[in-house]
Protein backbone atom coordinates (compact mmCIF):
# COMPACT_ATOMS: atom_id res chain seq x y z
CA MET A 1 0.23 0.01 -0.07
CA GLN A 2 2.90 2.17 0.48
CA ILE A 3 4.37 1.61 -2.19
CA TYR A 4 1.39 2.56 -3.96
CA ASN A 5 0.36 5.58 -2.17
CA LYS A 6 4.01 6.42 -3.76
CA LEU A 7 3.40 5.43 -6.99
CA LYS A 8 0.29 8.25 -6.95
CA ASN A 9 2.79 10.45 -6.95
CA PRO A 10 2.30 13.04 -9.87
CA VAL A 11 6.56 13.12 -9.95
CA VAL A 12 6.94 10.11 -9.03
CA PHE A 13 4.90 8.32 -11.46
CA GLY A 14 6.27 10.93 -14.16
CA THR A 15 10.20 9.86 -13.37
CA LEU A 16 9.25 5.99 -13.64
CA LEU A 17 7.16 6.68 -16.59
CA LEU A 18 10.02 8.60 -18.09
CA THR A 19 12.53 7.09 -16.90
CA SER A 20 11.29 3.65 -18.19
CA ALA A 21 10.49 5.15 -22.22
CA GLY A 22 13.80 6.65 -22.16
CA ILE A 23 15.38 3.60 -20.80
CA LEU A 24 14.29 1.88 -23.92
CA GLY A 25 15.08 4.30 -26.81
CA LYS A 26 18.48 4.72 -24.68
CA ILE A 27 18.66 1.22 -25.34
CA ILE A 28 17.88 1.33 -29.01
CA GLY A 29 19.83 4.78 -29.27
CA PHE A 30 23.16 2.72 -28.21
CA PHE A 31 23.03 0.16 -30.92
CA TYR A 32 21.68 2.39 -33.85
CA ARG A 33 25.43 4.06 -32.45
CA ILE A 34 27.47 1.12 -33.11
CA PHE A 35 25.26 0.64 -35.92
CA LEU A 36 26.39 4.39 -37.39
CA SER A 37 30.06 3.83 -36.01
CA ARG A 38 30.48 0.97 -38.58
CA VAL A 39 28.02 2.97 -41.55
CA ILE A 40 29.44 5.85 -41.71
CA GLY A 41 33.14 5.33 -40.17
CA ALA A 42 34.15 7.74 -36.91
CA GLU A 43 35.10 10.55 -39.68
CA GLY A 44 30.73 10.64 -40.82
CA LEU A 45 29.99 10.26 -37.01
CA GLY A 46 32.39 13.51 -37.06
CA ILE A 47 30.95 15.61 -39.46
CA TYR A 48 27.03 15.06 -38.71
CA GLN A 49 27.81 15.64 -34.51
CA LEU A 50 29.47 18.96 -36.45
CA ILE A 51 25.92 19.87 -36.90
CA PHE A 52 24.56 19.98 -33.50
CA PRO A 53 26.19 23.21 -32.49
CA ILE A 54 23.98 24.41 -35.19
CA SER A 55 20.55 22.71 -33.66
CA THR A 56 20.65 23.03 -30.35
CA ILE A 57 21.31 27.06 -31.13
CA CYS A 58 17.65 26.89 -33.07
CA PHE A 59 16.78 25.52 -30.65
CA SER A 60 17.74 27.95 -27.60
CA ILE A 61 15.87 30.52 -29.25
CA THR A 62 12.82 29.08 -30.56
CA VAL A 63 11.39 26.80 -27.69
CA SER A 64 13.91 26.15 -25.13
CA GLY A 65 13.00 28.80 -23.09
CA LEU A 66 9.04 29.48 -23.83
CA ASN A 67 8.82 25.17 -23.03
CA THR A 68 10.07 25.90 -19.56
CA ALA A 69 7.41 28.64 -18.97
CA LEU A 70 4.71 26.88 -20.55
CA SER A 71 5.23 24.16 -18.22
CA LYS A 72 5.51 26.65 -14.90
CA TYR A 73 2.88 28.78 -15.38
CA ILE A 74 0.46 25.74 -16.25
CA ALA A 75 1.51 24.19 -13.15
CA GLU A 76 0.86 27.47 -11.31
CA TYR A 77 -2.59 28.58 -12.97
CA GLN A 78 -4.84 25.23 -13.40
CA THR A 79 -6.12 24.64 -10.41
CA ASP A 80 -7.58 28.00 -10.01
CA ASN A 81 -8.45 28.22 -13.89
CA PRO A 82 -8.77 24.91 -15.34
CA SER A 83 -9.19 26.67 -18.84
CA ALA A 84 -5.63 28.21 -18.60
CA PRO A 85 -3.44 24.68 -20.27
CA LYS A 86 -4.60 25.31 -23.54
CA GLN A 87 -4.64 29.08 -23.77
CA LEU A 88 -1.01 29.21 -22.38
CA LEU A 89 0.29 26.10 -25.29
CA ARG A 90 -1.40 28.04 -27.98
CA ALA A 91 0.01 31.57 -27.37
CA CYS A 92 3.39 29.06 -26.79
CA LEU A 93 2.94 27.37 -30.01
CA ILE A 94 2.43 30.50 -32.38
CA ILE A 95 5.09 32.07 -31.20
CA SER A 96 7.37 28.84 -31.48
CA LEU A 97 5.92 28.15 -34.48
CA SER A 98 6.65 31.56 -36.04
CA LEU A 99 10.32 31.69 -34.82
CA SER A 100 10.97 27.93 -36.57
CA ALA A 101 10.36 29.31 -39.50
CA ILE A 102 12.27 31.80 -39.53
CA PHE A 103 15.26 30.15 -38.62
CA MET A 104 13.92 26.72 -41.11
CA GLY A 105 14.45 29.83 -43.98
CA ILE A 106 18.05 30.94 -43.16
CA LEU A 107 19.59 27.47 -42.28
CA THR A 108 18.40 26.91 -46.18
CA LYS A 109 19.24 29.72 -47.96
CA TYR A 110 22.61 30.21 -45.99
CA ALA A 111 23.66 26.47 -45.43
CA ASP A 112 27.18 27.07 -47.35
CA PHE A 113 27.83 29.96 -45.71
CA ILE A 114 27.36 28.06 -42.55
CA ALA A 115 29.42 25.37 -43.40
CA GLU A 116 32.49 26.96 -44.67
CA HIS A 117 32.56 29.68 -42.18
CA ILE A 118 31.32 28.61 -38.65
CA LEU A 119 31.58 25.15 -38.88
CA LEU A 120 34.84 25.29 -40.47
CA GLU A 121 33.33 21.65 -42.74
CA PRO A 122 32.67 22.44 -46.44
CA ARG A 123 30.94 18.78 -46.23
CA CYS A 124 28.27 19.82 -43.76
CA ALA A 125 26.72 22.68 -46.45
CA SER A 126 24.57 19.44 -47.95
CA LEU A 127 23.28 18.14 -44.09
CA ILE A 128 21.57 22.22 -42.62
CA PRO A 129 19.41 21.99 -45.06
CA ILE A 130 17.99 18.81 -43.87
CA LEU A 131 18.37 19.34 -40.37
CA ALA A 132 16.16 22.59 -41.62
CA LEU A 133 13.17 20.68 -41.84
CA SER A 134 13.71 18.64 -38.56
CA ILE A 135 13.11 22.02 -36.33
CA PRO A 136 9.50 23.05 -36.58
CA LEU A 137 9.07 19.90 -35.88
CA ALA A 138 11.04 20.08 -32.75
CA SER A 139 9.03 23.09 -31.50
CA LEU A 140 5.97 21.54 -32.55
CA HIS A 141 6.36 18.38 -29.81
CA SER A 142 9.06 20.46 -27.57
CA CYS A 143 5.98 23.25 -26.55
CA ILE A 144 3.26 20.18 -25.82
CA HIS A 145 6.07 18.02 -24.30
CA GLY A 146 6.10 21.10 -22.01
CA TYR A 147 2.22 21.49 -21.47
CA TYR A 148 2.23 17.68 -20.30
CA TYR A 149 5.20 18.28 -18.14
CA GLY A 150 2.74 21.62 -16.70
CA LYS A 151 0.14 18.91 -16.10
CA LYS A 152 2.32 16.35 -14.31
CA LYS A 153 0.99 14.50 -17.40
CA ALA A 154 4.13 12.81 -18.71
CA GLY A 155 2.76 9.63 -20.67
CA VAL A 156 2.45 11.45 -24.06
CA PRO A 157 5.93 12.72 -23.57
CA ALA A 158 7.10 9.36 -22.51
CA PHE A 159 5.90 7.78 -25.42
CA SER A 160 6.54 10.50 -27.33
CA SER A 161 10.30 10.40 -26.86
CA PHE A 162 10.13 6.26 -27.57
CA ILE A 163 8.14 6.67 -31.14
CA GLU A 164 11.03 9.82 -32.03
CA GLN A 165 14.23 7.52 -31.38
CA LEU A 166 12.20 4.40 -32.95
CA MET A 167 11.64 5.88 -35.77
CA ARG A 168 14.77 7.68 -36.68
CA VAL A 169 16.88 4.01 -36.23
CA GLY A 170 13.91 2.36 -39.14
CA PHE A 171 14.13 5.25 -40.91
CA VAL A 172 17.84 5.08 -41.20
CA PHE A 173 18.05 1.72 -41.64
CA LEU A 174 15.61 2.04 -44.37
CA ILE A 175 17.84 4.32 -46.38
CA TYR A 176 20.77 2.19 -45.62
CA LYS A 177 19.72 -0.83 -47.31
CA ILE A 178 18.17 1.30 -50.35
CA ARG A 179 21.05 2.83 -50.94
CA CYS A 180 23.61 -0.70 -50.29
CA GLU A 181 20.92 -2.26 -52.96
CA ALA A 182 21.23 0.63 -55.72
CA HIS A 183 24.88 0.37 -54.59
CA GLN A 184 25.23 4.61 -53.62
CA THR A 185 27.39 5.90 -51.22
CA ILE A 186 26.34 5.99 -47.56
CA ASP A 187 27.03 9.07 -45.27
CA ALA A 188 26.25 11.06 -42.58
CA SER A 189 23.14 12.55 -44.57
CA ILE A 190 21.46 9.57 -43.82
CA ALA A 191 21.89 10.38 -40.25
CA VAL A 192 20.48 13.95 -40.40
CA TRP A 193 17.02 12.04 -42.71
CA GLY A 194 16.60 10.27 -39.77
CA LEU A 195 16.95 12.49 -37.05
CA ALA A 196 14.07 14.98 -38.93
CA ALA A 197 11.72 11.49 -39.64
CA GLY A 198 11.93 11.49 -36.21
CA GLU A 199 10.92 14.74 -34.80
CA ALA A 200 8.20 14.57 -37.08
CA ALA A 201 6.92 11.06 -35.94
CA ALA A 202 7.16 12.73 -32.57
CA SER A 203 5.45 16.17 -33.53
CA LEU A 204 2.34 13.97 -35.17
CA PHE A 205 2.10 11.46 -32.24
CA CYS A 206 1.89 14.67 -29.66
CA LEU A 207 -0.61 16.49 -31.80
CA THR A 208 -2.95 12.99 -32.58
CA ALA A 209 -2.78 12.94 -28.43
CA LEU A 210 -3.64 16.92 -27.73
CA LEU A 211 -6.41 17.07 -30.38
CA LEU A 212 -7.92 13.50 -29.21
CA SER A 213 -7.29 14.64 -25.44
CA LYS A 214 -10.40 15.45 -24.00
CA ASP A 215 -10.29 18.24 -20.66
CA THR A 216 -13.77 17.53 -18.74
CA SER A 217 -12.12 19.31 -15.63
CA ALA A 218 -12.04 22.49 -17.85
CA PRO A 219 -15.72 24.36 -17.28
CA LYS A 220 -16.90 25.63 -20.54
CA THR A 221 -16.82 29.24 -19.53
CA THR A 222 -13.89 30.56 -17.52
CA ALA A 223 -11.77 33.25 -17.27
CA SER A 224 -9.13 33.49 -19.96
CA VAL A 225 -5.16 34.07 -18.64
CA LYS A 226 -4.54 37.41 -18.97
CA ALA A 227 -1.90 38.44 -21.64
CA PRO A 228 -0.45 34.65 -22.21
CA PHE A 229 1.85 35.83 -24.79
CA GLY A 230 3.19 38.72 -22.41
CA LYS A 231 3.72 35.47 -19.36
CA LEU A 232 5.30 33.31 -22.05
CA ILE A 233 7.19 35.66 -23.37
CA THR A 234 8.64 37.64 -20.59
CA TYR A 235 9.42 34.82 -18.26
CA SER A 236 11.66 33.36 -21.34
CA LEU A 237 12.97 36.10 -23.31
CA PRO A 238 15.78 35.59 -19.86
CA LEU A 239 16.00 32.16 -19.61
CA SER A 240 16.70 31.49 -23.83
CA ALA A 241 18.61 34.70 -23.83
CA ASN A 242 20.52 32.66 -20.75
CA ARG A 243 20.33 29.37 -22.70
CA LEU A 244 21.16 30.86 -26.52
CA ALA A 245 24.74 32.73 -24.72
CA LEU A 246 25.58 28.88 -23.26
CA THR A 247 24.58 27.07 -26.42
CA LEU A 248 26.69 29.32 -28.49
CA PHE A 249 30.08 28.71 -26.11
CA ALA A 250 29.23 24.96 -26.12
CA SER A 251 29.53 25.08 -29.91
CA PHE A 252 32.05 27.86 -30.00
CA GLU A 253 33.96 24.65 -27.72
CA SER A 254 32.78 22.02 -30.11
CA ILE A 255 33.88 23.62 -33.63
CA LEU A 256 37.10 24.18 -31.64
CA ILE A 257 38.27 21.11 -30.84
CA PRO A 258 39.16 19.93 -34.31
CA SER A 259 41.08 22.43 -35.48
CA ARG A 260 42.60 21.98 -31.97
CA LEU A 261 43.68 18.87 -32.55
CA CYS A 262 45.28 19.94 -35.78
CA LEU A 263 47.51 22.47 -34.20
CA TYR A 264 48.75 19.51 -31.80
CA GLY A 265 49.60 17.24 -34.70
CA TYR A 266 46.57 15.84 -36.56
CA SER A 267 45.71 15.66 -39.27
CA HIS A 268 41.93 16.85 -40.33
CA THR A 269 40.32 13.41 -41.00
CA ASP A 270 42.02 12.29 -38.03
CA ALA A 271 41.43 15.26 -35.80
CA LEU A 272 37.40 14.84 -37.68
CA SER A 273 37.76 10.91 -36.42
CA ILE A 274 39.09 11.41 -32.98
CA TYR A 275 36.44 14.09 -32.50
CA GLY A 276 33.38 11.67 -33.99
CA ILE A 277 34.71 8.80 -31.25
CA LEU A 278 34.11 11.22 -28.43
CA THR A 279 31.14 12.79 -29.18
CA GLY A 280 29.23 9.86 -31.03
CA MET A 281 30.68 6.92 -29.24
CA ALA A 282 32.75 7.80 -25.94
CA LEU A 283 30.15 10.16 -24.51
CA SER A 284 26.97 8.57 -25.79
CA ILE A 285 27.53 5.81 -23.29
CA ILE A 286 28.34 8.64 -20.81
CA PHE A 287 25.03 10.25 -21.38
CA PHE A 288 23.07 7.04 -20.98
CA PRO A 289 21.73 7.28 -17.16
CA THR A 290 21.21 10.85 -17.85
CA VAL A 291 17.58 9.23 -19.25
CA LEU A 292 16.87 9.06 -15.40
CA THR A 293 18.81 12.04 -14.41
CA ASN A 294 16.97 14.08 -17.18
CA SER A 295 13.59 12.60 -16.44
CA ILE A 296 13.92 13.72 -13.05
CA SER A 297 14.52 17.27 -14.06
CA VAL A 298 11.82 17.76 -15.73
CA MET A 299 9.24 16.43 -13.30
CA VAL A 300 10.80 18.22 -10.25
CA LEU A 301 10.53 21.99 -11.66
CA PRO A 302 6.50 21.53 -11.57
CA GLU A 303 6.53 20.12 -8.79
CA ILE A 304 9.38 22.92 -7.01
CA SER A 305 8.00 25.83 -8.83
CA GLU A 306 4.41 24.42 -6.79
CA ALA A 307 5.56 23.62 -3.21
CA ASP A 308 7.85 27.60 -4.12
CA SER A 309 4.22 29.22 -4.74
CA ARG A 310 2.62 28.34 -1.64
CA ASN A 311 5.96 29.18 1.07
CA ASP A 312 5.90 25.26 1.41
CA THR A 313 10.25 25.15 2.41
CA ASP A 314 9.46 21.28 3.98
CA ARG A 315 8.22 19.98 0.75
CA ILE A 316 11.41 21.77 -1.07
CA LYS A 317 13.81 20.36 1.08
CA LYS A 318 12.24 16.79 0.97
CA SER A 319 12.74 17.34 -2.50
CA ILE A 320 16.22 18.47 -2.68
CA ARG A 321 17.61 15.81 -0.54
CA LEU A 322 16.23 13.47 -1.78
CA THR A 323 17.50 14.22 -5.48
CA ILE A 324 21.37 15.00 -4.04
CA PHE A 325 21.27 11.59 -2.40
CA GLY A 326 19.91 9.72 -5.97
CA SER A 327 22.28 11.53 -7.92
CA LEU A 328 25.31 10.89 -6.02
CA LEU A 329 24.91 7.67 -5.89
CA LEU A 330 24.00 6.56 -9.43
CA GLY A 331 26.76 8.75 -10.36
CA SER A 332 28.93 7.10 -8.17
CA LEU A 333 27.09 3.46 -9.88
CA CYS A 334 28.15 4.39 -13.57
CA THR A 335 31.75 5.84 -12.11
CA PHE A 336 32.44 1.99 -10.99
CA GLY A 337 30.38 0.62 -13.77
CA PHE A 338 31.81 2.49 -16.51
CA LEU A 339 35.58 2.09 -15.07
CA ILE A 340 34.75 -1.33 -15.53
CA PHE A 341 33.53 -2.06 -18.83
CA GLY A 342 34.17 0.72 -20.88
CA LYS A 343 37.61 -0.93 -22.10
CA TRP A 344 35.10 -3.56 -23.38
CA ILE A 345 32.58 -1.35 -24.60
CA GLY A 346 35.18 0.30 -26.67
CA ASP A 347 36.55 -2.72 -28.29
CA VAL A 348 33.93 -5.22 -28.12
CA LEU A 349 30.90 -3.22 -29.28
CA PHE A 350 32.28 0.07 -30.86
CA GLY A 351 35.30 -2.00 -32.49
CA ASN A 352 37.49 1.19 -31.22
CA ALA A 353 40.14 0.95 -28.28
CA LEU A 354 39.80 5.03 -28.30
CA ALA A 355 36.67 5.34 -27.40
CA GLY A 356 37.22 2.10 -24.40
CA LYS A 357 39.51 4.95 -23.37
CA PHE A 358 37.60 8.02 -23.29
CA ILE A 359 34.65 6.45 -21.79
CA CYS A 360 36.81 5.12 -18.77
CA MET A 361 38.18 8.67 -18.16
CA LEU A 362 35.25 10.50 -18.44
CA SER A 363 33.45 7.91 -16.11
CA PHE A 364 34.64 10.28 -12.84
CA ILE A 365 32.34 13.18 -14.29
CA CYS A 366 28.70 11.14 -14.04
CA PRO A 367 28.06 12.50 -10.52
CA PHE A 368 28.38 15.46 -10.90
CA LEU A 369 26.72 16.09 -14.42
CA PHE A 370 24.03 13.98 -12.66
CA LEU A 371 23.40 16.09 -9.81
CA SER A 372 23.85 19.80 -11.07
CA SER A 373 21.46 18.68 -13.89
CA ILE A 374 18.92 17.79 -11.15
CA LEU A 375 20.13 21.36 -9.18
CA SER A 376 19.31 23.14 -12.22
CA SER A 377 16.31 22.09 -12.81
CA ILE A 378 15.43 23.07 -9.24
CA LEU A 379 16.62 26.57 -9.26
CA HIS A 380 15.44 27.20 -12.15
CA GLY A 381 12.13 25.85 -10.71
CA LEU A 382 12.61 28.17 -7.53
CA GLY A 383 12.78 31.37 -9.73
CA MET A 384 16.36 31.32 -9.90
CA PRO A 385 17.57 30.88 -13.53
CA VAL A 386 19.99 33.46 -13.04
CA TYR A 387 22.78 30.76 -10.96
CA PRO A 388 22.53 28.26 -13.45
CA PHE A 389 23.21 30.45 -16.25
CA LEU A 390 25.83 31.79 -14.52
CA LEU A 391 26.83 28.31 -13.50
CA ASN A 392 27.23 26.95 -16.62
CA LEU A 393 28.61 29.73 -18.03
CA LEU A 394 31.84 29.26 -15.92
CA GLY A 395 31.84 25.77 -16.69
CA SER A 396 31.56 26.03 -20.51
CA PHE A 397 34.31 29.10 -19.96
CA ILE A 398 36.61 26.69 -17.65
CA ARG A 399 36.34 23.97 -20.49
CA ILE A 400 36.75 26.41 -23.73
CA CYS A 401 39.90 27.35 -21.69
CA PHE A 402 41.08 23.45 -21.45
CA VAL A 403 40.73 23.59 -25.19
CA TYR A 404 42.35 26.42 -26.73
CA VAL A 405 45.33 26.38 -24.70
CA LEU A 406 45.95 22.86 -23.61
CA ILE A 407 44.73 20.73 -26.49
CA PRO A 408 47.12 22.13 -28.34
CA ILE A 409 50.28 20.97 -25.81
CA TYR A 410 48.57 17.65 -24.05
CA GLY A 411 45.73 16.43 -26.92
CA LEU A 412 42.12 15.50 -26.25
CA ASP A 413 43.11 14.17 -22.49
CA ALA A 414 43.50 17.91 -21.88
CA TYR A 415 39.77 18.40 -22.84
CA LEU A 416 38.73 15.38 -20.88
CA MET A 417 39.90 16.81 -17.66
CA GLY A 418 38.37 20.29 -18.04
CA MET A 419 35.31 18.43 -18.44
CA LEU A 420 35.69 16.85 -15.11
CA ALA A 421 37.25 20.42 -13.67
CA SER A 422 33.95 22.39 -14.18
CA GLN A 423 31.66 19.98 -13.30
CA ILE A 424 32.70 19.17 -10.07
CA LEU A 425 32.96 23.03 -9.93
CA THR A 426 29.50 23.51 -11.61
CA ALA A 427 28.24 20.93 -8.78
CA GLY A 428 29.45 21.84 -5.92
CA LEU A 429 28.39 25.94 -6.47
CA SER A 430 24.85 24.41 -7.35
CA VAL A 431 24.41 22.72 -3.82
CA PHE A 432 26.60 25.88 -1.95
CA ILE A 433 23.93 28.25 -3.52
CA LEU A 434 21.35 26.24 -2.05
CA TRP A 435 22.83 26.13 1.20
CA LYS A 436 23.10 29.91 1.46
CA ARG A 437 19.53 29.82 0.96
CA ARG A 438 19.04 27.28 4.14
CA LEU A 439 17.39 24.52 1.88
CA VAL A 440 20.36 22.24 2.04
CA LEU A 441 20.85 20.67 5.63
C-alpha cells in the first residue's frame, strides 16, 4: 500500500514513466550509434556531430525557454483556472512555430556559408538544409511536452520520445538498405534524414494525442489567462537568452576541438575521426544514464515551482535531499560500472579501443554531471534562473580554456580533464547556493 501511494505521486510516477520510455529509447539509440559508427565511420560521425551546434542554437531560440515557461505557468494556473493550460499552449505554439519558420528559411538559404565559415567543414553544407526541416517539428512536440509536464502527465512525452527514437533508427536503416541495393554512397546525410523523420513522427503523435484528449475538468466558460503571450515571453526571454549564450559557448567549444587537435599534430581527417569517437561513441555511453536524471529534472521543476508558490519550504527541502542523494548514488554506480566495462564497450561494441579509453576517463564526471543537471532544474523551479546560467557559463568557459590552451600541448586528454573540472565546480557551487538559502541540511 505504501508503494502504491508513492506511485500515485505524479512526480514519482512521471519520473518512472519517462525513465522507462527513455531507457528503451536509449537502448535503441545505443545500438544505433554502434550501427552508425560502422556504416559512416568515425570521420562521418565527426561530420554529423558538427551540425548539432546549429541545431541547439535554433532550439535555444525557438522553444527551450518557452517550453520551460509553459510548464511553469500551467503548474501555477491550472488549479485556479482550468482553461489556462490550453490558452497558454496556444500562445506558446504561435510564438515558437513562427520563430522556427524563420530559422528554417535562414538555414536553407545560407547553408554553404554556415558550413564553410562557421562550422569550418564544407562537407556539412548538404546536411544543414535537411536539419532545417526538423526545427519546426522539434518546436511543435517540445511545446506539447511542456504542456503535459506542467500538468504532471508524463505519458505523452514519454511515448513521444520513444517513437521519435524508433522512427529515427528505422528510417535510417531503411535508407541504408535502399542505398546499399542501389550501390550508392553511404554518408552522414542518412543520419540527418533519420533525425528529421524522428521529429516528424514525434510531432504527429503529440499533435494527435492533444487533439484527441478531452479535458473534462475545464468548464465551458472560464476567465481567460491575462496576457498569455506577455507572460510566456517575459519569463522565457531571459531564459532563452541565457541558454543561447550557453549554447554559443558550447558550440564554439565543439567547433574548436578539431582545429586544436590539428595543432597538436593530427591531420584534419584524424582530428574529425577523434572528435567523432569522443562525441558519437564515448559521450553517448556516458550520457546513457542521464535518461533517469533528465526525467527527474523535467518532473521536479513544476513540483518545486508549485511548492515555492505555496511557500512550502519543507516540501522543497525534502525534494532537494532526495535528488542530491539519488544523483550521487547513481553517479557513483555509473563511475564504477564504466571503469570496469569501459574498455570492453570500446573494443567489442564499437570496435574502437580509443572509445574505450575515453569512456574510462570520462566515467569520473558522472556524479557531478547528474547532480548539476538536477540542481539546475531545482533552481529554475525556485525562480532563480540566473544561477544556473552563470554556473553553466563558468563551466563552459573552463572547458574552452582547456580546449584552446591545453589541447595543442596535451591532446584530447586535456579536454577530458577540463570536463571533469567544470562539472565538479558547477555541482559544488549549486549545492552552495542552496545551502546559503538554507534549503540544504
